[in-house]
Protein backbone atom coordinates (compact mmCIF):
# COMPACT_ATOMS: atom_id res chain seq x y z
CA MET A 1 134.27 139.06 160.89
CA LYS A 2 131.98 140.68 157.57
CA GLY A 3 131.92 140.68 154.18
CA HIS A 4 133.98 139.04 151.61
CA GLY A 5 136.91 138.03 153.09
CA ALA A 6 134.73 136.27 156.01
CA LYS A 7 133.33 133.68 152.44
CA PHE A 8 136.38 133.52 151.58
CA GLY A 9 137.99 131.53 154.33
CA ARG A 10 134.41 129.15 154.64
CA LYS A 11 135.22 128.65 151.75
CA LYS A 12 138.23 127.80 152.56
CA GLU A 13 137.89 126.40 155.27
CA GLU A 14 135.22 123.77 153.40
CA GLY A 15 137.81 123.13 150.49
CA ASN A 16 140.34 122.25 153.11
CA CYS A 17 137.20 119.65 154.86
CA SER A 18 136.64 117.63 151.36
CA ALA A 19 139.91 117.90 150.79
CA SER A 20 141.25 115.60 153.88
CA PHE A 21 137.63 113.43 152.81
CA ALA A 22 139.52 112.75 149.64
CA GLN A 23 142.31 111.56 151.43
CA GLU A 24 140.74 109.11 154.21
CA ALA A 25 139.65 108.02 149.69
CA TRP A 26 143.01 106.62 149.76
CA LYS A 27 144.74 106.19 152.83
CA ARG A 28 142.06 103.91 153.93
CA PRO A 29 142.82 100.11 151.70
CA ALA A 30 146.67 101.21 151.66
CA ARG A 31 146.26 101.08 155.40
CA ALA A 32 144.31 98.23 155.12
CA VAL A 33 146.43 96.09 153.79
CA ASP A 34 150.08 97.80 155.26
CA LEU A 35 151.21 99.34 152.17
CA ASN A 36 152.02 103.30 152.45
CA PRO A 37 149.66 105.15 151.61
CA ASN A 38 152.01 107.65 149.27
CA THR A 39 152.96 104.11 147.60
CA LEU A 40 149.49 104.08 146.70
CA LEU A 41 148.73 107.57 145.36
CA ARG A 42 151.37 107.48 143.21
CA TRP A 43 150.20 103.50 142.03
CA LEU A 44 147.24 105.67 141.64
CA GLN A 45 149.06 106.95 138.51
CA LEU A 46 150.32 103.98 136.72
CA PRO A 47 147.63 103.34 133.74
CA GLU A 48 147.25 100.01 133.79
CA PHE A 49 146.72 99.91 138.21
CA GLY A 50 144.21 103.12 137.70
CA LYS A 51 141.99 101.71 136.29
CA GLU A 52 141.57 98.02 137.70
CA TYR A 53 141.62 99.88 140.75
CA ARG A 54 138.98 102.09 139.35
CA LYS A 55 137.13 98.40 138.23
CA ALA A 56 137.18 97.85 141.80
CA ARG A 57 135.51 100.58 143.44
CA ARG A 58 132.60 100.24 141.19
CA GLU A 59 132.06 96.31 141.91
CA ALA A 60 132.16 97.06 145.33
CA VAL A 61 129.54 99.81 144.86
CA HIS A 62 127.85 97.85 142.88
CA GLN A 63 127.09 95.02 145.05
CA SER A 64 126.67 98.13 147.98
CA VAL A 65 123.27 98.95 146.14
CA ALA A 66 122.37 95.20 145.57
CA ARG A 67 122.79 94.09 149.50
CA MET A 68 120.38 97.90 149.47
CA GLN A 69 118.00 96.81 147.70
CA GLN A 70 117.18 93.12 148.73
CA GLY A 71 116.54 95.09 152.36
CA TYR A 72 115.05 97.82 151.37
CA ARG A 73 111.70 96.28 151.81
CA CYS A 74 113.01 95.02 154.84
CA ALA A 75 113.53 98.86 156.30
CA ALA A 76 110.44 99.51 155.50
CA GLY A 77 108.21 97.36 156.48
CA THR A 78 109.76 97.94 160.39
CA VAL A 79 108.80 100.83 159.38
CA VAL A 80 105.13 101.16 158.33
CA LEU A 81 105.19 98.59 161.10
CA ASN A 82 106.22 100.86 164.08
CA SER A 83 103.98 103.81 162.51
């Protein structure tokens, strides 16, 4: 199908894909601690819980970035040696 309808369909599909990735972002942690994902979603609406959740996520991201920074030299050396 050509024209406006095809573009809307593609955009709608991309939106649905993005939404499913966002859902997985909160379903995995809930399942990891044997919690119903809907319960976690409700808790995220509570200001104090949401604040602590975001704080924990930021810390996890900072730790991941630090590990990547530590390993980049080794990775770069491997790339240069194998060039």
